């Protein structure tokens, strides 16, 4: 995340200028003459009070008010994310069930590559409900809790569910194609959710706020992928497969874009991404042994 520089701007003309014939004084420093105004409330402000914003500069009071209102917005956003919370509950429940049954659940539902090649293709879906330990569960749950409500609000619950499960499938296919050993976890699905958020923000890139948020998320994804390549236990190909699935679906299912995708294009995207995953899995199966 980038730092916010609260120092006065080098060029005082970055703020909103007032008529030079009108002598104003900073509301926070009454003895300091100024030609700047807060672009939000129009209070006169000096360079010491001015806080850079995406458009012009804001006074400390407006910045404080925006920060106070942000938790309320986020709380309202999180309150309307039923699929996200259902997924969190299912994942936690499956983790508890796994603890109670020992290796039984893992042996039956984990992505064991040789068994997938022998025809147990359901193992490309079921691993997203399993976790390798409490830390794995905590990390997956935290990222889903952080980004899931935003994506569910942006796309609606039905489209969000499609993105999650299809990206989870494409993530498992990525693991099946390039990784060895047994794989479990919802990282592919969660990377797909983050990919959909990137696609959504890309459609709003004309907004400085959306562009800045997208840049921060791209940094988050880049760091996680780099870390995944450094740690052998992390199945980074599942991350990449899920991310690609989420990016494609997110772009094609975003009905808030200026050029709204047709229903036919949305259906084609869902079917096409899922079919591509099936085709790649079939190819890997044919060359496995």
Protein backbone atom coordinates (compact mmCIF):
# COMPACT_ATOMS: atom_id res chain seq x y z
CA UNK A 1 0.00 0.00 0.00
CA UNK A 2 1.36 3.44 -0.85
CA UNK A 3 2.07 6.11 1.72
CA UNK A 4 0.08 9.33 1.86
CA UNK A 5 2.24 12.42 1.87
CA UNK A 6 0.68 15.07 4.07
CA UNK A 7 3.37 17.67 3.41
CA UNK A 8 2.33 20.84 1.58
CA UNK A 9 2.48 20.47 -2.19
CA UNK A 10 5.44 21.95 -3.97
CA UNK A 11 3.10 23.92 -6.21
CA UNK A 12 0.48 25.84 -4.19
CA UNK A 13 -1.59 26.26 -7.34
CA UNK A 14 -2.63 22.60 -7.13
CA UNK A 15 -5.52 23.59 -4.87
CA UNK A 16 -8.61 25.52 -5.83
CA UNK A 17 -7.64 29.14 -6.43
CA UNK A 18 -9.77 32.07 -5.36
CA UNK A 19 -9.99 35.57 -6.70
CA UNK A 20 -6.65 37.31 -6.08
CA UNK A 21 -8.51 40.49 -5.09
CA UNK A 22 -10.10 38.66 -2.15
CA UNK A 23 -7.74 38.28 0.80
CA UNK A 24 -8.52 35.10 2.71
CA UNK A 25 -6.97 33.55 5.79
CA UNK A 26 -6.67 29.87 6.63
CA UNK A 27 -9.50 28.69 8.87
CA UNK A 28 -7.03 26.65 10.92
CA UNK A 29 -4.31 29.30 11.05
CA UNK A 30 -6.17 32.64 11.11
CA UNK A 31 -2.99 34.71 10.68
CA UNK A 32 -1.87 32.87 7.55
CA UNK A 33 -3.07 34.39 4.26
CA UNK A 34 -3.96 31.90 1.57
CA UNK A 35 -5.34 31.57 -1.94
CA UNK A 36 -6.44 27.94 -1.53
CA UNK A 37 -9.79 26.40 -0.68
CA UNK A 38 -10.80 22.86 0.27
CA UNK A 39 -12.27 21.38 -2.91
CA UNK A 40 -14.93 19.62 -0.85
CA UNK A 41 -16.28 22.23 1.60
CA UNK A 42 -14.55 25.37 0.18
CA UNK A 43 -13.01 26.38 3.49
CA UNK A 44 -9.90 28.57 3.02
CA UNK A 45 -6.83 26.44 3.83
CA UNK A 46 -3.11 27.05 3.88
CA UNK A 47 -0.35 24.71 2.72
CA UNK A 48 0.03 23.23 6.20
CA UNK A 49 -3.65 22.23 6.37
CA UNK A 50 -4.07 21.09 2.77
CA UNK A 51 -4.22 17.30 2.35
CA UNK A 52 -3.78 16.06 -1.26
CA UNK A 53 -6.83 14.26 -2.67
CA UNK A 54 -7.63 12.60 -6.00
CA UNK A 55 -9.14 15.93 -7.06
CA UNK A 56 -7.59 19.06 -5.53
CA UNK A 57 -6.96 19.19 -1.79
CA UNK A 58 -9.10 18.66 1.28
CA UNK A 59 -9.11 20.22 4.73
CA UNK A 60 -8.49 18.06 7.83
CA UNK A 61 -12.19 18.17 8.81
CA UNK A 62 -13.36 16.76 5.47
CA UNK A 63 -10.72 14.03 5.60
CA UNK A 64 -11.77 13.10 9.15
CA UNK A 65 -15.44 13.02 8.14
CA UNK A 66 -14.66 10.72 5.20
CA UNK A 67 -12.74 8.36 7.48
CA UNK A 68 -15.60 8.25 9.98
CA UNK A 69 -18.12 7.37 7.27
CA UNK A 70 -15.94 4.67 5.66
CA UNK A 71 -16.58 2.00 8.36
CA UNK A 72 -20.34 2.53 7.98
CA UNK A 73 -20.10 2.00 4.23
CA UNK A 74 -17.96 -1.13 4.69
CA UNK A 75 -20.34 -2.48 7.36
CA UNK A 76 -23.32 -2.03 5.03
CA UNK A 77 -21.37 -3.70 2.25
CA UNK A 78 -20.48 -6.72 4.37
CA UNK A 79 -24.05 -7.07 5.65
CA UNK A 80 -25.31 -8.05 2.20
CA UNK A 81 -23.00 -10.88 1.13
CA UNK A 82 -24.89 -14.14 1.77
CA UNK A 83 -22.83 -16.33 -0.57
CA UNK A 84 -19.55 -15.15 0.94
CA UNK A 85 -20.70 -15.97 4.46
CA UNK A 86 -22.18 -19.29 3.39
CA UNK A 87 -18.84 -20.25 1.83
CA UNK A 88 -16.98 -19.24 4.99
CA UNK A 89 -19.35 -21.33 7.11
CA UNK A 90 -19.05 -24.35 4.79
CA UNK A 91 -15.26 -24.14 4.78
CA UNK A 92 -15.08 -23.96 8.56
CA UNK A 93 -17.56 -26.81 8.89
CA UNK A 94 -15.58 -28.99 6.50
CA UNK A 95 -12.39 -28.24 8.42
CA UNK A 96 -13.99 -29.37 11.67
CA UNK A 97 -15.33 -32.49 9.95
CA UNK A 98 -11.85 -33.23 8.61
CA UNK A 99 -10.42 -33.00 12.10
CA UNK A 100 -13.03 -35.43 13.37
CA UNK A 101 -12.55 -38.01 10.62
CA UNK A 102 -8.78 -37.95 10.29
CA UNK A 103 -7.53 -38.81 6.79
CA UNK A 104 -10.87 -40.17 5.58
CA UNK A 105 -12.09 -36.89 4.05
CA UNK A 106 -8.69 -36.07 2.55
CA UNK A 107 -8.30 -39.49 0.98
CA UNK A 108 -11.77 -39.29 -0.54
CA UNK A 109 -11.88 -35.71 -1.81
CA UNK A 110 -8.36 -34.21 -2.14
CA UNK A 111 -6.89 -33.54 -5.59
CA UNK A 112 -4.72 -36.64 -5.98
CA UNK A 113 -3.48 -36.30 -9.55
CA UNK A 114 -3.27 -40.02 -10.37
CA UNK A 115 -6.84 -40.62 -9.19
CA UNK A 116 -8.09 -37.68 -11.27
CA UNK A 117 -6.38 -39.27 -14.29
CA UNK A 118 -8.14 -42.54 -13.49
CA UNK A 119 -11.52 -40.84 -13.84
CA UNK A 120 -12.29 -39.26 -10.45
CA UNK A 121 -12.79 -35.79 -11.93
CA UNK A 122 -14.89 -34.63 -9.00
CA UNK A 123 -11.52 -34.17 -7.28
CA UNK A 124 -11.11 -31.02 -9.38
CA UNK A 125 -14.04 -29.50 -7.45
CA UNK A 126 -14.01 -30.95 -3.94
CA UNK A 127 -10.50 -29.83 -2.89
CA UNK A 128 -11.68 -26.20 -2.62
CA UNK A 129 -13.60 -27.21 0.52
CA UNK A 130 -10.57 -28.77 2.25
CA UNK A 131 -7.71 -27.16 4.15
CA UNK A 132 -4.26 -28.42 5.08
CA UNK A 133 -4.34 -26.89 8.57
CA UNK A 134 -5.65 -24.06 10.73
CA UNK A 135 -3.24 -21.51 9.22
CA UNK A 136 -4.35 -22.48 5.72
CA UNK A 137 -7.99 -22.06 6.76
CA UNK A 138 -7.28 -18.72 8.44
CA UNK A 139 -5.46 -17.25 5.42
CA UNK A 140 -8.10 -18.41 2.93
CA UNK A 141 -10.91 -17.16 5.16
CA UNK A 142 -9.29 -13.77 5.75
CA UNK A 143 -8.83 -13.02 2.05
CA UNK A 144 -12.35 -14.24 1.21
CA UNK A 145 -13.79 -12.14 4.05
CA UNK A 146 -11.83 -9.10 2.85
CA UNK A 147 -12.65 -9.19 -0.87
CA UNK A 148 -15.69 -11.48 -1.13
CA UNK A 149 -18.34 -8.97 -0.02
CA UNK A 150 -17.04 -6.32 -2.41
CA UNK A 151 -17.10 -8.69 -5.38
CA UNK A 152 -20.51 -10.10 -4.40
CA UNK A 153 -21.91 -6.56 -4.23
CA UNK A 154 -20.33 -5.67 -7.59
CA UNK A 155 -21.59 -8.72 -9.49
CA UNK A 156 -24.55 -9.95 -7.49
CA UNK A 157 -24.73 -13.20 -5.54
CA UNK A 158 -25.46 -15.49 -8.50
CA UNK A 159 -22.62 -14.21 -10.66
CA UNK A 160 -20.30 -14.19 -7.65
CA UNK A 161 -21.07 -17.86 -6.99
CA UNK A 162 -20.33 -18.70 -10.63
CA UNK A 163 -17.03 -16.83 -10.49
CA UNK A 164 -16.00 -18.54 -7.26
CA UNK A 165 -16.75 -22.13 -8.31
CA UNK A 166 -15.56 -21.88 -11.91
CA UNK A 167 -12.35 -20.13 -10.86
CA UNK A 168 -11.89 -22.82 -8.22
CA UNK A 169 -12.23 -25.40 -10.98
CA UNK A 170 -9.78 -23.64 -13.33
CA UNK A 171 -7.38 -23.33 -10.42
CA UNK A 172 -7.58 -27.07 -9.81
CA UNK A 173 -7.04 -27.68 -13.52
CA UNK A 174 -3.93 -25.47 -13.41
CA UNK A 175 -2.63 -27.58 -10.55
CA UNK A 176 -3.51 -30.78 -12.42
CA UNK A 177 -1.62 -29.60 -15.51
CA UNK A 178 1.62 -28.45 -13.92
CA UNK A 179 1.88 -29.54 -10.28
CA UNK A 180 2.73 -32.82 -8.60
CA UNK A 181 1.39 -34.40 -5.45
CA UNK A 182 -1.83 -33.82 -3.58
CA UNK A 183 -3.54 -30.42 -3.52
CA UNK A 184 -6.27 -28.95 -1.32
CA UNK A 185 -7.57 -25.45 -0.66
CA UNK A 186 -9.69 -22.67 -2.14
CA UNK A 187 -6.79 -20.47 -3.20
CA UNK A 188 -7.71 -20.87 -6.87
CA UNK A 189 -11.29 -19.77 -6.19
CA UNK A 190 -10.13 -16.88 -4.01
CA UNK A 191 -7.60 -15.72 -6.60
CA UNK A 192 -10.50 -15.87 -9.05
CA UNK A 193 -12.53 -13.56 -6.80
CA UNK A 194 -9.60 -11.13 -6.64
CA UNK A 195 -9.20 -11.40 -10.43
CA UNK A 196 -12.88 -10.50 -10.89
CA UNK A 197 -12.37 -7.47 -8.64
CA UNK A 198 -9.42 -6.37 -10.78
CA UNK A 199 -11.57 -6.72 -13.91
CA UNK A 200 -14.37 -4.72 -12.27
CA UNK A 201 -12.01 -1.91 -11.24
CA UNK A 202 -10.43 -1.92 -14.69
CA UNK A 203 -13.82 -1.04 -16.10
CA UNK A 204 -13.90 1.96 -13.72
CA UNK A 205 -10.24 2.97 -14.28
CA UNK A 206 -11.30 6.50 -15.26
CA UNK A 207 -11.92 7.09 -11.55
CA UNK A 208 -8.75 7.94 -9.65
CA UNK A 209 -10.03 6.04 -6.61
CA UNK A 210 -10.82 2.88 -8.63
CA UNK A 211 -7.50 3.05 -10.46
CA UNK A 212 -5.57 3.45 -7.20
CA UNK A 213 -7.44 0.53 -5.62
CA UNK A 214 -6.78 -1.63 -8.68
CA UNK A 215 -3.08 -0.78 -8.51
CA UNK A 216 -2.93 -1.80 -4.86
CA UNK A 217 -4.66 -5.12 -5.57
CA UNK A 218 -2.30 -5.82 -8.48
CA UNK A 219 0.56 -5.31 -6.04
CA UNK A 220 -1.08 -7.70 -3.58
CA UNK A 221 -1.47 -10.35 -6.32
CA UNK A 222 2.10 -9.86 -7.54
CA UNK A 223 3.55 -10.28 -4.06
CA UNK A 224 1.51 -13.42 -3.42
CA UNK A 225 2.50 -15.00 -6.72
CA UNK A 226 6.16 -14.16 -6.12
CA UNK A 227 5.96 -15.66 -2.64
CA UNK A 228 4.26 -18.74 -4.09
CA UNK A 229 7.14 -19.40 -6.45
CA UNK A 230 9.61 -19.13 -3.57
CA UNK A 231 7.82 -21.60 -1.28
CA UNK A 232 7.66 -25.15 -2.72
CA UNK A 233 4.62 -26.15 -0.63
CA UNK A 234 2.44 -23.49 -2.28
CA UNK A 235 0.60 -24.60 -5.43
CA UNK A 236 1.09 -21.43 -7.45
CA UNK A 237 -0.30 -22.95 -10.64
CA UNK A 238 -3.66 -23.26 -8.90
CA UNK A 239 -3.41 -19.55 -8.05
CA UNK A 240 -2.65 -18.64 -11.66
CA UNK A 241 -5.42 -20.85 -13.05
CA UNK A 242 -7.98 -19.35 -10.69
CA UNK A 243 -6.77 -15.80 -11.34
CA UNK A 244 -7.09 -16.19 -15.12
CA UNK A 245 -10.56 -17.69 -14.79
CA UNK A 246 -11.64 -14.85 -12.49
CA UNK A 247 -10.23 -12.14 -14.77
CA UNK A 248 -12.07 -13.46 -17.82
CA UNK A 249 -15.35 -14.06 -16.02
CA UNK A 250 -15.11 -10.79 -14.13
CA UNK A 251 -14.71 -8.79 -17.33
CA UNK A 252 -17.47 -10.59 -19.21
CA UNK A 253 -19.97 -10.59 -16.32
CA UNK A 254 -19.57 -6.93 -15.35
CA UNK A 255 -22.95 -5.46 -16.27
CA UNK A 256 -22.00 -2.04 -14.82
CA UNK A 257 -19.56 -1.24 -17.63
CA UNK A 258 -20.44 1.53 -20.08
CA UNK A 259 -20.69 -1.11 -22.81
CA UNK A 260 -22.80 -3.62 -20.92
CA UNK A 261 -22.10 -7.22 -22.03
CA UNK A 262 -25.07 -8.99 -23.57
CA UNK A 263 -26.64 -11.98 -21.87
CA UNK A 264 -25.36 -14.14 -24.72
CA UNK A 265 -21.78 -12.99 -24.06
CA UNK A 266 -22.16 -13.68 -20.35
CA UNK A 267 -23.41 -17.20 -21.00
CA UNK A 268 -20.66 -17.76 -23.56
CA UNK A 269 -18.02 -16.63 -21.04
CA UNK A 270 -19.28 -18.97 -18.30
CA UNK A 271 -19.61 -21.95 -20.64
CA UNK A 272 -16.38 -21.15 -22.47
CA UNK A 273 -14.18 -20.88 -19.37
CA UNK A 274 -15.66 -24.05 -17.87
CA UNK A 275 -15.30 -25.89 -21.20
CA UNK A 276 -11.69 -24.74 -21.57
CA UNK A 277 -10.99 -26.17 -18.12
CA UNK A 278 -12.59 -29.48 -19.05
CA UNK A 279 -10.62 -29.64 -22.32
CA UNK A 280 -7.31 -28.98 -20.57
CA UNK A 281 -8.10 -31.55 -17.90
CA UNK A 282 -8.95 -34.08 -20.61
CA UNK A 283 -5.66 -33.37 -22.38
CA UNK A 284 -3.70 -33.83 -19.16
CA UNK A 285 -5.52 -37.09 -18.48
CA UNK A 286 -4.61 -38.40 -21.93
CA UNK A 287 -0.91 -37.74 -21.33
CA UNK A 288 -0.74 -38.58 -17.62
CA UNK A 289 0.51 -42.18 -17.76
